Amino acid sequence: MSRSHLTNVQAAALIDAHKSINHGGLKEVSAHRGTVWVGQHPDCTQEHSSIVVTWLRYACLLDRSGRKPTRTAIITNEGLLEIDMLGAEA
């Protein structure tokens, strides 16, 4: 089986997007350290940097929509396949 090419930080953001698939995905919010992304599932508490979400978007693992400051990012079919490679249970 293939191994994922994601870093731990990228994998964490993708797993939160997967957990939040039925809750609106990741949402862009303002925080004390700038703009971050947070999963909308109640169990998601980690903040993900914009650079991580942007990288996942360019890798076609997330699809971003909306305009600042109300953007959201949802997992794509490619992202779901990547989750399978991670072996993550979300």
Protein backbone atom coordinates (compact mmCIF):
# COMPACT_ATOMS: atom_id res chain seq x y z
CA MET A 1 0.00 0.00 0.00
CA SER A 2 1.23 3.51 -0.77
CA ARG A 3 2.35 5.80 2.01
CA SER A 4 1.00 9.31 2.32
CA HIS A 5 3.28 12.15 1.28
CA LEU A 6 1.75 14.59 3.79
CA THR A 7 3.48 16.11 6.80
CA ASN A 8 1.88 15.64 10.22
CA VAL A 9 0.55 19.22 10.11
CA GLN A 10 -1.00 18.72 6.66
CA ALA A 11 -2.46 15.35 7.68
CA ALA A 12 -4.03 16.89 10.80
CA ALA A 13 -5.79 19.57 8.73
CA LEU A 14 -7.02 16.98 6.22
CA ILE A 15 -8.30 14.73 9.03
CA ASP A 16 -10.20 17.67 10.56
CA ALA A 17 -11.70 18.44 7.13
CA HIS A 18 -12.78 14.80 6.91
CA LYS A 19 -14.31 14.86 10.41
CA SER A 20 -16.15 18.04 9.44
CA ILE A 21 -17.47 16.74 6.10
CA ASN A 22 -21.09 16.88 7.34
CA HIS A 23 -20.56 20.03 9.42
CA GLY A 24 -19.45 22.52 6.77
CA GLY A 25 -15.77 21.59 6.47
CA LEU A 26 -13.00 23.88 7.67
CA LYS A 27 -13.92 27.51 8.36
CA GLU A 28 -11.61 30.50 8.15
CA VAL A 29 -11.56 32.52 11.37
CA SER A 30 -9.56 35.39 12.82
CA ALA A 31 -7.37 34.45 15.77
CA HIS A 32 -4.77 36.13 17.95
CA ARG A 33 -2.03 34.98 15.56
CA GLY A 34 -3.82 35.91 12.34
CA THR A 35 -6.20 34.02 10.10
CA VAL A 36 -6.52 30.29 10.82
CA TRP A 37 -8.80 27.45 9.77
CA VAL A 38 -10.82 25.34 12.21
CA GLY A 39 -12.87 22.20 11.60
CA GLN A 40 -16.59 22.64 12.19
CA HIS A 41 -17.04 19.20 13.80
CA PRO A 42 -17.47 19.56 17.58
CA ASP A 43 -14.35 17.41 18.22
CA CYS A 44 -12.11 19.68 16.12
CA THR A 45 -10.19 22.12 18.32
CA GLN A 46 -6.89 22.53 16.47
CA GLU A 47 -6.18 25.69 14.48
CA HIS A 48 -4.63 25.14 11.03
CA SER A 49 -2.54 27.80 9.32
CA SER A 50 -3.60 29.34 6.02
CA ILE A 51 -0.44 28.07 4.34
CA VAL A 52 -1.37 24.47 5.17
CA VAL A 53 -4.90 24.86 3.81
CA THR A 54 -3.55 26.60 0.71
CA TRP A 55 -1.06 23.75 0.11
CA LEU A 56 -3.85 21.15 0.50
CA ARG A 57 -5.95 23.15 -1.96
CA TYR A 58 -3.14 23.27 -4.54
CA ALA A 59 -2.67 19.51 -4.05
CA CYS A 60 -6.42 19.15 -4.89
CA LEU A 61 -7.14 17.61 -1.49
CA LEU A 62 -9.37 20.49 -0.36
CA ASP A 63 -11.75 22.74 -2.27
CA ARG A 64 -12.05 26.30 -0.94
CA SER A 65 -15.08 28.51 -1.52
CA GLY A 66 -16.39 31.90 -0.49
CA ARG A 67 -14.68 35.22 0.14
CA LYS A 68 -12.75 36.49 3.13
CA PRO A 69 -13.66 36.44 5.96
CA THR A 70 -16.28 33.71 5.46
CA ARG A 71 -14.37 31.14 3.40
CA THR A 72 -14.77 27.42 3.88
CA ALA A 73 -12.74 24.45 2.71
CA ILE A 74 -14.16 20.98 2.14
CA ILE A 75 -12.40 17.72 1.44
CA THR A 76 -12.34 16.53 -2.18
CA ASN A 77 -12.52 12.99 -3.55
CA GLU A 78 -8.73 13.06 -3.84
CA GLY A 79 -8.60 14.11 -0.21
CA LEU A 80 -10.77 11.15 0.76
CA LEU A 81 -8.37 8.82 -1.06
CA GLU A 82 -5.47 10.41 0.82
CA ILE A 83 -7.32 9.80 4.11
CA ASP A 84 -7.56 6.13 3.11
CA MET A 85 -3.79 6.06 2.57
CA LEU A 86 -3.26 7.65 5.98
CA GLY A 87 -5.38 4.94 7.54
CA ALA A 88 -7.06 7.66 9.60
CA GLU A 89 -10.34 7.03 11.30
CA ALA A 90 -12.32 10.25 11.28
